[in-house]
Amino acid sequence: MKKFIFLFHLILFTIMSGFFFDAIGQNDIYHFRYEVHNTGTNTYGNPTEFITSNTSSDYGKRKISSGSCWHRGVDFGLQAPVTQWDHFLSLNTGTIKKLEGGQGYKYIITEGTTVGNQHNFGYGHIFDAAAANPYNVKGDLVLIKMDSPYDDDYAIIDLTNSKAFGPQAGTAIYNSVPYLVITTINQDEVLGNIGRSGTSNYGYMHVHVYMFNNIYQATQNHNNIFNDRDPFQFISHVNTTYDIAIQTDNNVNAQNVITSS
């Protein structure tokens, strides 16, 4: 019996140690950055990396008065006025698979294309709740409906860099200027703004970053149940320190059933 307990503890310690050290090694693949918007001059600061204290809601179980009790992503928020429209930069190099620009919650989904870093990310609460009809301007970014035959699709125009991107290749016209819409994005390029779109038009600005395994499922119904992953497995952040202790539980009855929790 002692040999069994010792072996069990050894296996458990090996599993826990592997998980613990693997988690440390994984979370430095991507660096999530933002650019602060100066509303007076409509200019942007240098790229700055989000730090752990910028996390307003972590992945996993949470206690809230309304909404989902299981948070399927990580919320990044900055202490800034609600009129601020800071940029966030793309975590990965990839293809834009979906951009929702209608009334309410808005989000953009990218599929990673770099070999070895083919991870799928979504970014929610961009812009505000107003529909892009035909466009919605925040800072130097324009959420806009595309021209025919893709006039049911949306694109984002980056006025500062004179470029447009979205899930469909085509054109978008803003202030009589046509922009060619591309479907790709590079790591650390401007992808959207830290907003507050949603059914209740959130009072504080943040961006909801989420990951998923199946890109098709994520773009079809935006329901990531059993499809979600913790972004902090791969996004650089300061680890929480854990104290791991292994204890022996002797609460076993005559039928060899453990009676404690």
C-alpha atoms as a PDB file:
ATOM      1  CA  MET A   1       0.000   0.000   0.000  1.00  0.00           C
ATOM      2  CA  LYS A   2       2.878   2.364   0.840  1.00  0.00           C
ATOM      3  CA  LYS A   3       4.458   1.637  -2.547  1.00  0.00           C
ATOM      4  CA  PHE A   4       1.159   2.466  -4.258  1.00  0.00           C
ATOM      5  CA  ILE A   5       0.812   5.783  -2.410  1.00  0.00           C
ATOM      6  CA  PHE A   6       4.428   6.700  -3.177  1.00  0.00           C
ATOM      7  CA  LEU A   7       3.967   5.861  -6.856  1.00  0.00           C
ATOM      8  CA  PHE A   8       0.733   7.862  -6.996  1.00  0.00           C
ATOM      9  CA  HIS A   9       2.433  10.879  -5.451  1.00  0.00           C
ATOM     10  CA  LEU A  10       5.350  10.588  -7.855  1.00  0.00           C
ATOM     11  CA  ILE A  11       3.021  10.472 -10.871  1.00  0.00           C
ATOM     12  CA  LEU A  12       0.939  13.374  -9.566  1.00  0.00           C
ATOM     13  CA  PHE A  13       4.036  15.485  -8.887  1.00  0.00           C
ATOM     14  CA  THR A  14       5.360  14.711 -12.374  1.00  0.00           C
ATOM     15  CA  ILE A  15       2.069  15.734 -14.011  1.00  0.00           C
ATOM     16  CA  MET A  16       1.751  18.890 -11.943  1.00  0.00           C
ATOM     17  CA  SER A  17       5.360  19.874 -12.526  1.00  0.00           C
ATOM     18  CA  GLY A  18       5.044  19.309 -16.265  1.00  0.00           C
ATOM     19  CA  PHE A  19       1.870  21.378 -16.406  1.00  0.00           C
ATOM     20  CA  PHE A  20       3.358  24.160 -14.298  1.00  0.00           C
ATOM     21  CA  PHE A  21       6.598  24.516 -16.214  1.00  0.00           C
ATOM     22  CA  ASP A  22       4.870  24.069 -19.580  1.00  0.00           C
ATOM     23  CA  ALA A  23       2.545  26.947 -18.759  1.00  0.00           C
ATOM     24  CA  ILE A  24       5.520  29.174 -18.026  1.00  0.00           C
ATOM     25  CA  GLY A  25       7.139  28.256 -21.319  1.00  0.00           C
ATOM     26  CA  GLN A  26       4.010  28.800 -23.424  1.00  0.00           C
ATOM     27  CA  ASN A  27       2.950  32.318 -22.501  1.00  0.00           C
ATOM     28  CA  ASP A  28       5.625  34.263 -24.359  1.00  0.00           C
ATOM     29  CA  ILE A  29       4.684  33.566 -27.981  1.00  0.00           C
ATOM     30  CA  TYR A  30       2.619  36.710 -28.570  1.00  0.00           C
ATOM     31  CA  HIS A  31       2.924  40.241 -27.207  1.00  0.00           C
ATOM     32  CA  PHE A  32      -0.314  42.258 -27.171  1.00  0.00           C
ATOM     33  CA  ARG A  33       0.256  45.968 -27.803  1.00  0.00           C
ATOM     34  CA  TYR A  34      -1.766  49.178 -28.000  1.00  0.00           C
ATOM     35  CA  GLU A  35      -1.311  52.808 -29.091  1.00  0.00           C
ATOM     36  CA  VAL A  36      -2.812  55.618 -26.994  1.00  0.00           C
ATOM     37  CA  HIS A  37      -5.045  58.052 -28.864  1.00  0.00           C
ATOM     38  CA  ASN A  38      -4.613  61.797 -28.332  1.00  0.00           C
ATOM     39  CA  THR A  39      -8.136  63.076 -28.916  1.00  0.00           C
ATOM     40  CA  GLY A  40      -7.007  66.682 -29.269  1.00  0.00           C
ATOM     41  CA  THR A  41      -4.736  66.083 -32.247  1.00  0.00           C
ATOM     42  CA  ASN A  42      -6.164  62.728 -33.378  1.00  0.00           C
ATOM     43  CA  THR A  43      -2.671  61.211 -33.224  1.00  0.00           C
ATOM     44  CA  TYR A  44      -1.357  58.046 -31.637  1.00  0.00           C
ATOM     45  CA  GLY A  45       1.536  57.221 -29.330  1.00  0.00           C
ATOM     46  CA  ASN A  46       4.188  54.554 -29.701  1.00  0.00           C
ATOM     47  CA  PRO A  47       3.237  50.853 -29.414  1.00  0.00           C
ATOM     48  CA  THR A  48       3.110  49.790 -25.758  1.00  0.00           C
ATOM     49  CA  GLU A  49       2.623  46.283 -24.443  1.00  0.00           C
ATOM     50  CA  PHE A  50      -0.365  45.479 -22.247  1.00  0.00           C
ATOM     51  CA  ILE A  51       0.762  44.436 -18.778  1.00  0.00           C
ATOM     52  CA  THR A  52      -0.981  42.004 -16.455  1.00  0.00           C
ATOM     53  CA  SER A  53      -2.593  44.796 -14.424  1.00  0.00           C
ATOM     54  CA  ASN A  54      -4.389  45.951 -17.608  1.00  0.00           C
ATOM     55  CA  THR A  55      -6.482  42.767 -17.422  1.00  0.00           C
ATOM     56  CA  SER A  56      -9.997  43.701 -16.293  1.00  0.00           C
ATOM     57  CA  SER A  57     -11.466  40.188 -16.548  1.00  0.00           C
ATOM     58  CA  ASP A  58      -9.560  36.914 -16.836  1.00  0.00           C
ATOM     59  CA  TYR A  59     -10.444  33.729 -18.692  1.00  0.00           C
ATOM     60  CA  GLY A  60     -12.656  31.205 -16.907  1.00  0.00           C
ATOM     61  CA  LYS A  61     -15.271  31.222 -14.184  1.00  0.00           C
ATOM     62  CA  ARG A  62     -16.419  34.603 -12.901  1.00  0.00           C
ATOM     63  CA  LYS A  63     -19.161  35.995 -10.683  1.00  0.00           C
ATOM     64  CA  ILE A  64     -21.211  38.702 -12.374  1.00  0.00           C
ATOM     65  CA  SER A  65     -24.774  39.972 -12.016  1.00  0.00           C
ATOM     66  CA  SER A  66     -25.633  39.352 -15.682  1.00  0.00           C
ATOM     67  CA  GLY A  67     -24.037  37.722 -18.700  1.00  0.00           C
ATOM     68  CA  SER A  68     -21.897  34.632 -19.001  1.00  0.00           C
ATOM     69  CA  CYS A  69     -20.475  33.137 -15.813  1.00  0.00           C
ATOM     70  CA  TRP A  70     -17.767  31.454 -17.876  1.00  0.00           C
ATOM     71  CA  HIS A  71     -15.625  34.073 -19.576  1.00  0.00           C
ATOM     72  CA  ARG A  72     -14.296  32.685 -22.863  1.00  0.00           C
ATOM     73  CA  GLY A  73     -11.540  35.243 -23.289  1.00  0.00           C
ATOM     74  CA  VAL A  74      -9.486  37.923 -21.555  1.00  0.00           C
ATOM     75  CA  ASP A  75     -10.550  41.563 -21.275  1.00  0.00           C
ATOM     76  CA  PHE A  76      -7.838  44.186 -21.625  1.00  0.00           C
ATOM     77  CA  GLY A  77      -8.790  47.683 -20.495  1.00  0.00           C
ATOM     78  CA  LEU A  78      -6.963  50.959 -19.891  1.00  0.00           C
ATOM     79  CA  GLN A  79      -7.797  53.684 -17.406  1.00  0.00           C
ATOM     80  CA  ALA A  80      -8.820  56.284 -19.980  1.00  0.00           C
ATOM     81  CA  PRO A  81     -11.821  58.546 -20.705  1.00  0.00           C
ATOM     82  CA  VAL A  82     -14.729  56.907 -22.502  1.00  0.00           C
ATOM     83  CA  THR A  83     -14.081  59.210 -25.467  1.00  0.00           C
ATOM     84  CA  GLN A  84     -10.649  57.673 -26.007  1.00  0.00           C
ATOM     85  CA  TRP A  85     -10.201  55.361 -29.014  1.00  0.00           C
ATOM     86  CA  ASP A  86      -6.843  53.680 -28.544  1.00  0.00           C
ATOM     87  CA  HIS A  87      -5.576  51.260 -31.175  1.00  0.00           C
ATOM     88  CA  PHE A  88      -4.866  47.615 -30.467  1.00  0.00           C
ATOM     89  CA  LEU A  89      -2.356  45.788 -32.655  1.00  0.00           C
ATOM     90  CA  SER A  90      -2.756  42.352 -34.189  1.00  0.00           C
ATOM     91  CA  LEU A  91      -1.306  39.504 -32.144  1.00  0.00           C
ATOM     92  CA  ASN A  92      -0.481  37.414 -35.175  1.00  0.00           C
ATOM     93  CA  THR A  93       0.100  37.485 -38.903  1.00  0.00           C
ATOM     94  CA  GLY A  94      -2.905  36.025 -40.619  1.00  0.00           C
ATOM     95  CA  THR A  95      -6.077  36.268 -42.647  1.00  0.00           C
ATOM     96  CA  ILE A  96      -9.143  38.223 -41.589  1.00  0.00           C
ATOM     97  CA  LYS A  97     -12.049  35.780 -41.577  1.00  0.00           C
ATOM     98  CA  LYS A  98     -14.911  37.877 -40.174  1.00  0.00           C
ATOM     99  CA  LEU A  99     -15.767  41.454 -39.245  1.00  0.00           C
ATOM    100  CA  GLU A 100     -19.104  42.189 -37.592  1.00  0.00           C
ATOM    101  CA  GLY A 101     -20.084  45.837 -37.996  1.00  0.00           C
ATOM    102  CA  GLY A 102     -23.838  45.879 -37.390  1.00  0.00           C
ATOM    103  CA  GLN A 103     -25.770  47.311 -34.481  1.00  0.00           C
ATOM    104  CA  GLY A 104     -24.531  46.120 -31.082  1.00  0.00           C
ATOM    105  CA  TYR A 105     -21.557  43.882 -30.419  1.00  0.00           C
ATOM    106  CA  LYS A 106     -18.735  44.196 -32.954  1.00  0.00           C
ATOM    107  CA  TYR A 107     -15.748  41.933 -33.378  1.00  0.00           C
ATOM    108  CA  ILE A 108     -13.024  40.889 -35.788  1.00  0.00           C
ATOM    109  CA  ILE A 109     -11.623  37.358 -36.239  1.00  0.00           C
ATOM    110  CA  THR A 110      -8.212  36.408 -37.650  1.00  0.00           C
ATOM    111  CA  GLU A 111      -6.740  33.058 -38.630  1.00  0.00           C
ATOM    112  CA  GLY A 112      -3.003  32.694 -38.049  1.00  0.00           C
ATOM    113  CA  THR A 113      -0.967  31.782 -41.118  1.00  0.00           C
ATOM    114  CA  THR A 114       2.628  31.778 -39.840  1.00  0.00           C
ATOM    115  CA  VAL A 115       3.992  28.231 -39.679  1.00  0.00           C
ATOM    116  CA  GLY A 116       4.337  27.254 -36.025  1.00  0.00           C
ATOM    117  CA  ASN A 117       2.085  30.114 -34.868  1.00  0.00           C
ATOM    118  CA  GLN A 118      -1.159  29.195 -36.577  1.00  0.00           C
ATOM    119  CA  HIS A 119      -3.432  30.353 -33.771  1.00  0.00           C
ATOM    120  CA  ASN A 120      -6.885  31.870 -34.229  1.00  0.00           C
ATOM    121  CA  PHE A 121      -7.826  35.070 -32.390  1.00  0.00           C
ATOM    122  CA  GLY A 122     -10.948  37.157 -32.004  1.00  0.00           C
ATOM    123  CA  TYR A 123     -11.215  40.727 -30.703  1.00  0.00           C
ATOM    124  CA  GLY A 124     -14.548  41.957 -29.363  1.00  0.00           C
ATOM    125  CA  HIS A 125     -16.189  45.250 -28.260  1.00  0.00           C
ATOM    126  CA  ILE A 126     -14.431  47.249 -30.982  1.00  0.00           C
ATOM    127  CA  PHE A 127     -15.973  50.656 -31.846  1.00  0.00           C
ATOM    128  CA  ASP A 128     -19.311  51.365 -30.123  1.00  0.00           C
ATOM    129  CA  ALA A 129     -22.833  50.001 -30.453  1.00  0.00           C
ATOM    130  CA  ALA A 130     -23.855  52.186 -33.414  1.00  0.00           C
ATOM    131  CA  ALA A 131     -24.182  50.357 -36.707  1.00  0.00           C
ATOM    132  CA  ALA A 132     -21.833  51.227 -39.567  1.00  0.00           C
ATOM    133  CA  ASN A 133     -24.596  52.585 -41.777  1.00  0.00           C
ATOM    134  CA  PRO A 134     -22.814  53.287 -43.989  1.00  0.00           C
ATOM    135  CA  TYR A 135     -19.840  54.037 -41.696  1.00  0.00           C
ATOM    136  CA  ASN A 136     -18.754  54.599 -38.093  1.00  0.00           C
ATOM    137  CA  VAL A 137     -15.670  56.762 -37.427  1.00  0.00           C
ATOM    138  CA  LYS A 138     -13.612  56.510 -34.228  1.00  0.00           C
ATOM    139  CA  GLY A 139     -10.234  58.234 -34.150  1.00  0.00           C
ATOM    140  CA  ASP A 140      -8.530  57.484 -37.471  1.00  0.00           C
ATOM    141  CA  LEU A 141     -10.394  54.196 -38.021  1.00  0.00           C
ATOM    142  CA  VAL A 142     -13.519  53.944 -40.137  1.00  0.00           C
ATOM    143  CA  LEU A 143     -15.824  50.936 -39.889  1.00  0.00           C
ATOM    144  CA  ILE A 144     -17.595  50.972 -43.221  1.00  0.00           C
ATOM    145  CA  LYS A 145     -19.826  48.953 -45.514  1.00  0.00           C
ATOM    146  CA  MET A 146     -18.092  47.763 -48.654  1.00  0.00           C
ATOM    147  CA  ASP A 147     -19.141  48.477 -52.216  1.00  0.00           C
ATOM    148  CA  SER A 148     -21.101  46.041 -54.378  1.00  0.00           C
ATOM    149  CA  PRO A 149     -21.033  43.076 -54.685  1.00  0.00           C
ATOM    150  CA  TYR A 150     -19.926  42.889 -51.026  1.00  0.00           C
ATOM    151  CA  ASP A 151     -22.227  45.611 -49.697  1.00  0.00           C
ATOM    152  CA  ASP A 152     -23.395  43.276 -46.921  1.00  0.00           C
ATOM    153  CA  ASP A 153     -19.814  43.000 -45.654  1.00  0.00           C
ATOM    154  CA  TYR A 154     -17.732  45.416 -43.619  1.00  0.00           C
ATOM    155  CA  ALA A 155     -14.183  46.723 -43.751  1.00  0.00           C
ATOM    156  CA  ILE A 156     -12.014  48.947 -41.569  1.00  0.00           C
ATOM    157  CA  ILE A 157     -10.165  51.879 -43.122  1.00  0.00           C
ATOM    158  CA  ASP A 158      -6.989  53.038 -41.393  1.00  0.00           C
ATOM    159  CA  LEU A 159      -6.837  56.684 -42.477  1.00  0.00           C
ATOM    160  CA  THR A 160      -3.364  57.323 -41.072  1.00  0.00           C
ATOM    161  CA  ASN A 161      -1.802  54.472 -43.038  1.00  0.00           C
ATOM    162  CA  SER A 162      -4.157  54.815 -46.048  1.00  0.00           C
ATOM    163  CA  LYS A 163      -5.167  51.155 -46.038  1.00  0.00           C
ATOM    164  CA  ALA A 164      -8.317  49.094 -45.645  1.00  0.00           C
ATOM    165  CA  PHE A 165      -8.801  45.503 -44.489  1.00  0.00           C
ATOM    166  CA  GLY A 166     -11.634  43.043 -44.027  1.00  0.00           C
ATOM    167  CA  PRO A 167     -12.781  39.490 -44.781  1.00  0.00           C
ATOM    168  CA  GLN A 168     -13.579  40.223 -48.456  1.00  0.00           C
ATOM    169  CA  ALA A 169     -11.250  41.643 -51.096  1.00  0.00           C
ATOM    170  CA  GLY A 170     -12.952  44.574 -52.794  1.00  0.00           C
ATOM    171  CA  THR A 171     -13.342  48.328 -52.378  1.00  0.00           C
ATOM    172  CA  ALA A 172     -14.700  50.743 -49.796  1.00  0.00           C
ATOM    173  CA  ILE A 173     -15.294  54.457 -50.474  1.00  0.00           C
ATOM    174  CA  TYR A 174     -14.966  57.074 -47.737  1.00  0.00           C
ATOM    175  CA  ASN A 175     -15.135  60.839 -48.418  1.00  0.00           C
ATOM    176  CA  SER A 176     -15.110  60.065 -52.152  1.00  0.00           C
ATOM    177  CA  VAL A 177     -11.761  58.244 -51.820  1.00  0.00           C
ATOM    178  CA  PRO A 178     -11.740  54.545 -52.858  1.00  0.00           C
ATOM    179  CA  TYR A 179      -9.699  52.116 -50.770  1.00  0.00           C
ATOM    180  CA  LEU A 180      -8.711  48.623 -51.854  1.00  0.00           C
ATOM    181  CA  VAL A 181      -9.686  46.178 -49.105  1.00  0.00           C
ATOM    182  CA  ILE A 182      -7.105  43.478 -48.335  1.00  0.00           C
ATOM    183  CA  THR A 183      -7.825  40.337 -46.336  1.00  0.00           C
ATOM    184  CA  THR A 184      -4.471  39.952 -44.564  1.00  0.00           C
ATOM    185  CA  ILE A 185      -2.935  41.481 -41.454  1.00  0.00           C
ATOM    186  CA  ASN A 186       0.612  41.422 -40.135  1.00  0.00           C
ATOM    187  CA  GLN A 187       1.658  41.017 -36.532  1.00  0.00           C
ATOM    188  CA  ASP A 188       1.785  44.375 -34.702  1.00  0.00           C
ATOM    189  CA  GLU A 189      -0.262  46.198 -37.358  1.00  0.00           C
ATOM    190  CA  VAL A 190      -3.295  48.260 -36.299  1.00  0.00           C
ATOM    191  CA  LEU A 191      -6.320  45.965 -36.301  1.00  0.00           C
ATOM    192  CA  GLY A 192      -9.015  47.874 -34.403  1.00  0.00           C
ATOM    193  CA  ASN A 193      -9.782  50.146 -31.490  1.00  0.00           C
ATOM    194  CA  ILE A 194     -10.393  49.487 -27.816  1.00  0.00           C
ATOM    195  CA  GLY A 195     -14.132  50.102 -27.675  1.00  0.00           C
ATOM    196  CA  ARG A 196     -17.311  49.384 -25.781  1.00  0.00           C
ATOM    197  CA  SER A 197     -19.755  47.885 -28.273  1.00  0.00           C
ATOM    198  CA  GLY A 198     -22.344  45.474 -26.964  1.00  0.00           C
ATOM    199  CA  THR A 199     -26.022  45.110 -26.266  1.00  0.00           C
ATOM    200  CA  SER A 200     -25.724  47.409 -23.222  1.00  0.00           C
ATOM    201  CA  ASN A 201     -23.100  49.718 -24.780  1.00  0.00           C
ATOM    202  CA  TYR A 202     -20.469  49.124 -22.082  1.00  0.00           C
ATOM    203  CA  GLY A 203     -19.539  52.181 -20.036  1.00  0.00           C
ATOM    204  CA  TYR A 204     -15.820  51.373 -19.956  1.00  0.00           C
ATOM    205  CA  MET A 205     -13.561  50.706 -22.906  1.00  0.00           C
ATOM    206  CA  HIS A 206     -11.862  47.372 -23.305  1.00  0.00           C
ATOM    207  CA  VAL A 207     -11.090  44.718 -25.891  1.00  0.00           C
ATOM    208  CA  HIS A 208     -12.170  41.113 -25.373  1.00  0.00           C
ATOM    209  CA  VAL A 209      -9.452  38.819 -26.766  1.00  0.00           C
ATOM    210  CA  TYR A 210     -10.348  35.190 -27.315  1.00  0.00           C
ATOM    211  CA  MET A 211      -8.902  32.080 -28.964  1.00  0.00           C
ATOM    212  CA  PHE A 212     -10.507  29.063 -30.562  1.00  0.00           C
ATOM    213  CA  ASN A 213      -9.538  25.835 -32.265  1.00  0.00           C
ATOM    214  CA  ASN A 214     -12.073  25.615 -35.094  1.00  0.00           C
ATOM    215  CA  ILE A 215     -12.114  28.753 -37.246  1.00  0.00           C
ATOM    216  CA  TYR A 216     -15.226  27.647 -39.153  1.00  0.00           C
ATOM    217  CA  GLN A 217     -17.302  27.228 -35.993  1.00  0.00           C
ATOM    218  CA  ALA A 218     -16.155  30.591 -34.675  1.00  0.00           C
ATOM    219  CA  THR A 219     -17.134  32.467 -37.841  1.00  0.00           C
ATOM    220  CA  GLN A 220     -20.468  30.723 -38.398  1.00  0.00           C
ATOM    221  CA  ASN A 221     -22.317  31.351 -35.167  1.00  0.00           C
ATOM    222  CA  HIS A 222     -19.786  32.988 -32.841  1.00  0.00           C
ATOM    223  CA  ASN A 223     -20.593  30.271 -30.303  1.00  0.00           C
ATOM    224  CA  ASN A 224     -17.282  29.050 -28.923  1.00  0.00           C
ATOM    225  CA  ILE A 225     -18.620  26.555 -26.394  1.00  0.00           C
ATOM    226  CA  PHE A 226     -16.139  23.638 -26.406  1.00  0.00           C
ATOM    227  CA  ASN A 227     -14.110  25.626 -28.962  1.00  0.00           C
ATOM    228  CA  ASP A 228     -12.462  28.221 -26.730  1.00  0.00           C
ATOM    229  CA  ARG A 229      -8.910  28.398 -25.368  1.00  0.00           C
ATOM    230  CA  ASP A 230      -7.249  30.567 -22.745  1.00  0.00           C
ATOM    231  CA  PRO A 231      -5.341  33.351 -24.590  1.00  0.00           C
ATOM    232  CA  PHE A 232      -2.947  33.670 -21.645  1.00  0.00           C
ATOM    233  CA  GLN A 233      -1.494  30.295 -22.605  1.00  0.00           C
ATOM    234  CA  PHE A 234       0.225  32.174 -25.427  1.00  0.00           C
ATOM    235  CA  ILE A 235       0.128  35.924 -24.682  1.00  0.00           C
ATOM    236  CA  SER A 236       3.029  37.245 -22.647  1.00  0.00           C
ATOM    237  CA  HIS A 237       2.121  38.228 -19.080  1.00  0.00           C
ATOM    238  CA  VAL A 238       3.476  38.054 -15.563  1.00  0.00           C
ATOM    239  CA  ASN A 239       2.673  34.644 -14.115  1.00  0.00           C
ATOM    240  CA  THR A 240       0.727  34.226 -10.915  1.00  0.00           C
ATOM    241  CA  THR A 241       2.867  32.555  -8.266  1.00  0.00           C
ATOM    242  CA  TYR A 242       1.483  29.274  -6.914  1.00  0.00           C
ATOM    243  CA  ASP A 243       2.516  27.222  -3.893  1.00  0.00           C
ATOM    244  CA  ILE A 244       2.001  23.549  -4.706  1.00  0.00           C
ATOM    245  CA  ALA A 245       1.646  21.096  -1.828  1.00  0.00           C
ATOM    246  CA  ILE A 246       0.955  17.353  -2.100  1.00  0.00           C
ATOM    247  CA  GLN A 247      -0.821  15.773   0.845  1.00  0.00           C
ATOM    248  CA  THR A 248      -1.838  12.238   1.746  1.00  0.00           C
ATOM    249  CA  ASP A 249      -5.558  11.609   2.149  1.00  0.00           C
ATOM    250  CA  ASN A 250      -6.309   8.702   4.498  1.00  0.00           C
ATOM    251  CA  ASN A 251     -10.102   9.049   4.446  1.00  0.00           C
ATOM    252  CA  VAL A 252     -10.705   5.697   2.762  1.00  0.00           C
ATOM    253  CA  ASN A 253     -13.522   3.438   3.943  1.00  0.00           C
ATOM    254  CA  ALA A 254     -13.692  -0.342   3.926  1.00  0.00           C
ATOM    255  CA  GLN A 255     -14.783  -0.361   0.296  1.00  0.00           C
ATOM    256  CA  ASN A 256     -11.667   1.631  -0.681  1.00  0.00           C
ATOM    257  CA  VAL A 257     -13.750   4.725  -1.414  1.00  0.00           C
ATOM    258  CA  ILE A 258     -12.299   8.137  -0.613  1.00  0.00           C
ATOM    259  CA  THR A 259     -14.840   9.920   1.562  1.00  0.00           C
ATOM    260  CA  SER A 260     -13.389  13.436   1.535  1.00  0.00           C
ATOM    261  CA  SER A 261     -13.957  15.967  -1.231  1.00  0.00           C
END
